C-alpha atoms as a PDB file:
ATOM      1  CA  MET A   1      21.682  -2.896  10.340  1.00  0.00           C
ATOM      2  CA  GLN A   2      21.552  -5.776   7.600  1.00  0.00           C
ATOM      3  CA  LEU A   3      19.180  -8.892   7.808  1.00  0.00           C
ATOM      4  CA  GLU A   4      20.566 -12.257   5.812  1.00  0.00           C
ATOM      5  CA  LEU A   5      18.056 -15.498   5.062  1.00  0.00           C
ATOM      6  CA  VAL A   6      19.666 -17.944   2.836  1.00  0.00           C
ATOM      7  CA  PRO A   7      17.724 -21.028   3.929  1.00  0.00           C
ATOM      8  CA  ARG A   8      18.817 -24.279   2.544  1.00  0.00           C
ATOM      9  CA  PHE A   9      16.552 -27.283   2.738  1.00  0.00           C
ATOM     10  CA  GLU A  10      16.855 -31.231   2.427  1.00  0.00           C
ATOM     11  CA  TYR A  11      20.269 -31.071   4.339  1.00  0.00           C
ATOM     12  CA  GLY A  12      21.754 -28.229   2.147  1.00  0.00           C
ATOM     13  CA  LEU A  13      20.777 -30.051  -1.110  1.00  0.00           C
ATOM     14  CA  THR A  14      17.924 -27.697  -2.325  1.00  0.00           C
ATOM     15  CA  VAL A  15      18.017 -23.948  -3.044  1.00  0.00           C
ATOM     16  CA  PRO A  16      14.400 -22.566  -2.411  1.00  0.00           C
ATOM     17  CA  HIS A  17      12.697 -20.411  -4.936  1.00  0.00           C
ATOM     18  CA  PHE A  18      11.649 -17.111  -3.126  1.00  0.00           C
ATOM     19  CA  ARG A  19       8.977 -14.684  -4.104  1.00  0.00           C
ATOM     20  CA  SER A  20       7.046 -11.587  -2.313  1.00  0.00           C
ATOM     21  CA  ALA A  21       4.255 -12.126  -0.023  1.00  0.00           C
ATOM     22  CA  ASP A  22       1.916 -10.054   2.313  1.00  0.00           C
ATOM     23  CA  GLY A  23       4.281  -8.223   4.401  1.00  0.00           C
ATOM     24  CA  GLY A  24       7.705 -10.178   3.733  1.00  0.00           C
ATOM     25  CA  VAL A  25       8.213 -13.508   1.826  1.00  0.00           C
ATOM     26  CA  ILE A  26       8.121 -16.657   1.188  1.00  0.00           C
ATOM     27  CA  ALA A  27      10.879 -19.582   0.409  1.00  0.00           C
ATOM     28  CA  LEU A  28       9.459 -22.770  -1.357  1.00  0.00           C
ATOM     29  CA  ALA A  29      11.876 -25.643  -1.538  1.00  0.00           C
ATOM     30  CA  GLY A  30       9.850 -29.471  -2.279  1.00  0.00           C
ATOM     31  CA  ALA A  31       7.089 -29.877   0.633  1.00  0.00           C
ATOM     32  CA  ASP A  32       8.472 -27.045   2.636  1.00  0.00           C
ATOM     33  CA  GLU A  33       8.325 -23.254   2.706  1.00  0.00           C
ATOM     34  CA  ILE A  34       9.009 -20.626   4.904  1.00  0.00           C
ATOM     35  CA  HIS A  35       7.652 -17.367   5.358  1.00  0.00           C
ATOM     36  CA  LEU A  36       9.496 -13.994   6.808  1.00  0.00           C
ATOM     37  CA  ARG A  37       7.590 -11.337   7.826  1.00  0.00           C
ATOM     38  CA  SER A  38       8.248  -8.167   8.808  1.00  0.00           C
ATOM     39  CA  ASP A  39       7.591  -4.093   9.082  1.00  0.00           C
ATOM     40  CA  VAL A  40      11.023  -3.434   7.117  1.00  0.00           C
ATOM     41  CA  ARG A  41      11.283  -4.191   3.210  1.00  0.00           C
ATOM     42  CA  ILE A  42      12.627  -7.098   2.262  1.00  0.00           C
ATOM     43  CA  ASP A  43      14.796  -7.641  -1.041  1.00  0.00           C
ATOM     44  CA  ILE A  44      14.568 -10.782  -2.906  1.00  0.00           C
ATOM     45  CA  GLY A  45      17.990 -12.259  -4.341  1.00  0.00           C
ATOM     46  CA  ASP A  46      19.738 -15.266  -5.972  1.00  0.00           C
ATOM     47  CA  GLY A  47      18.696 -17.701  -2.881  1.00  0.00           C
ATOM     48  CA  LEU A  48      18.640 -15.545  -0.278  1.00  0.00           C
ATOM     49  CA  ALA A  49      16.400 -12.531   1.174  1.00  0.00           C
ATOM     50  CA  GLU A  50      17.734  -9.666   2.976  1.00  0.00           C
ATOM     51  CA  ALA A  51      16.795  -6.376   4.435  1.00  0.00           C
ATOM     52  CA  ARG A  52      18.855  -3.479   4.993  1.00  0.00           C
ATOM     53  CA  PHE A  53      17.336  -0.738   7.450  1.00  0.00           C
ATOM     54  CA  GLU A  54      18.132   1.849  10.009  1.00  0.00           C
ATOM     55  CA  VAL A  55      17.436   1.576  13.924  1.00  0.00           C
ATOM     56  CA  GLY A  56      17.280   4.890  15.745  1.00  0.00           C
ATOM     57  CA  SER A  57      17.208   5.336  19.241  1.00  0.00           C
ATOM     58  CA  GLY A  58      13.714   3.994  20.552  1.00  0.00           C
ATOM     59  CA  VAL A  59      12.864   2.488  17.172  1.00  0.00           C
ATOM     60  CA  ARG A  60      11.808  -1.449  16.941  1.00  0.00           C
ATOM     61  CA  HIS A  61      11.197  -3.127  14.023  1.00  0.00           C
ATOM     62  CA  GLY A  62       9.880  -7.121  14.122  1.00  0.00           C
ATOM     63  CA  PHE A  63      10.305 -10.207  12.103  1.00  0.00           C
ATOM     64  CA  VAL A  64       8.866 -13.115  12.491  1.00  0.00           C
ATOM     65  CA  LEU A  65       9.973 -16.660  10.670  1.00  0.00           C
ATOM     66  CA  GLN A  66       7.492 -19.416  10.259  1.00  0.00           C
ATOM     67  CA  HIS A  67       7.857 -22.986   8.895  1.00  0.00           C
ATOM     68  CA  ARG A  68       4.631 -25.262   6.963  1.00  0.00           C
ATOM     69  CA  PRO A  69       4.242 -27.516   4.897  1.00  0.00           C
ATOM     70  CA  ALA A  70       3.894 -25.880   1.279  1.00  0.00           C
ATOM     71  CA  PHE A  71       0.701 -27.654   0.227  1.00  0.00           C
ATOM     72  CA  GLY A  72      -2.636 -28.847   1.383  1.00  0.00           C
ATOM     73  CA  ARG A  73      -3.110 -26.004   3.725  1.00  0.00           C
ATOM     74  CA  GLU A  74      -3.518 -22.291   3.853  1.00  0.00           C
ATOM     75  CA  PRO A  75      -1.419 -20.505   6.272  1.00  0.00           C
ATOM     76  CA  GLY A  76      -2.464 -19.013   9.568  1.00  0.00           C
ATOM     77  CA  ASN A  77      -2.524 -15.870  10.610  1.00  0.00           C
ATOM     78  CA  LEU A  78       0.553 -14.972  12.930  1.00  0.00           C
ATOM     79  CA  PRO A  79       0.170 -12.062  15.583  1.00  0.00           C
ATOM     80  CA  ALA A  80       2.462  -9.102  15.491  1.00  0.00           C
ATOM     81  CA  ALA A  81       6.335 -10.172  16.105  1.00  0.00           C
ATOM     82  CA  GLN A  82       5.733  -7.695  19.563  1.00  0.00           C
ATOM     83  CA  THR A  83       2.717  -9.939  20.542  1.00  0.00           C
ATOM     84  CA  LEU A  84       4.529 -13.283  19.903  1.00  0.00           C
ATOM     85  CA  LEU A  85       7.340 -11.847  21.646  1.00  0.00           C
ATOM     86  CA  ASN A  86       5.698 -10.777  24.770  1.00  0.00           C
ATOM     87  CA  GLU A  87       3.877 -14.670  24.905  1.00  0.00           C
ATOM     88  CA  THR A  88       7.459 -16.401  24.771  1.00  0.00           C
ATOM     89  CA  ILE A  89       8.638 -13.930  27.428  1.00  0.00           C
ATOM     90  CA  ALA A  90       5.763 -14.737  29.687  1.00  0.00           C
ATOM     91  CA  GLY A  91       6.312 -18.514  29.172  1.00  0.00           C
ATOM     92  CA  TRP A  92       9.771 -18.291  30.250  1.00  0.00           C
ATOM     93  CA  THR A  93       8.978 -16.626  33.283  1.00  0.00           C
ATOM     94  CA  SER A  94       5.731 -18.052  34.438  1.00  0.00           C
END
């Protein structure tokens, strides 16, 4: 499989700067940033992040995408992708 993240901020006018982060990558543009985390390796290209990976029978990979202000506060710790998925499903079915 392949994942490509090609974010454009400010109505497509700003190409973000990518950097590696714990368990993923961060894309920074002006006052905004997004953090993509996963259990698969994410590579940084020219204005994009991408991952290429195999998925076999019974294998699951999680991806978590978080938007936050780029300055003024430290990012919070996000739960694992499966925990977030379970919470979302519980909310939809309640």
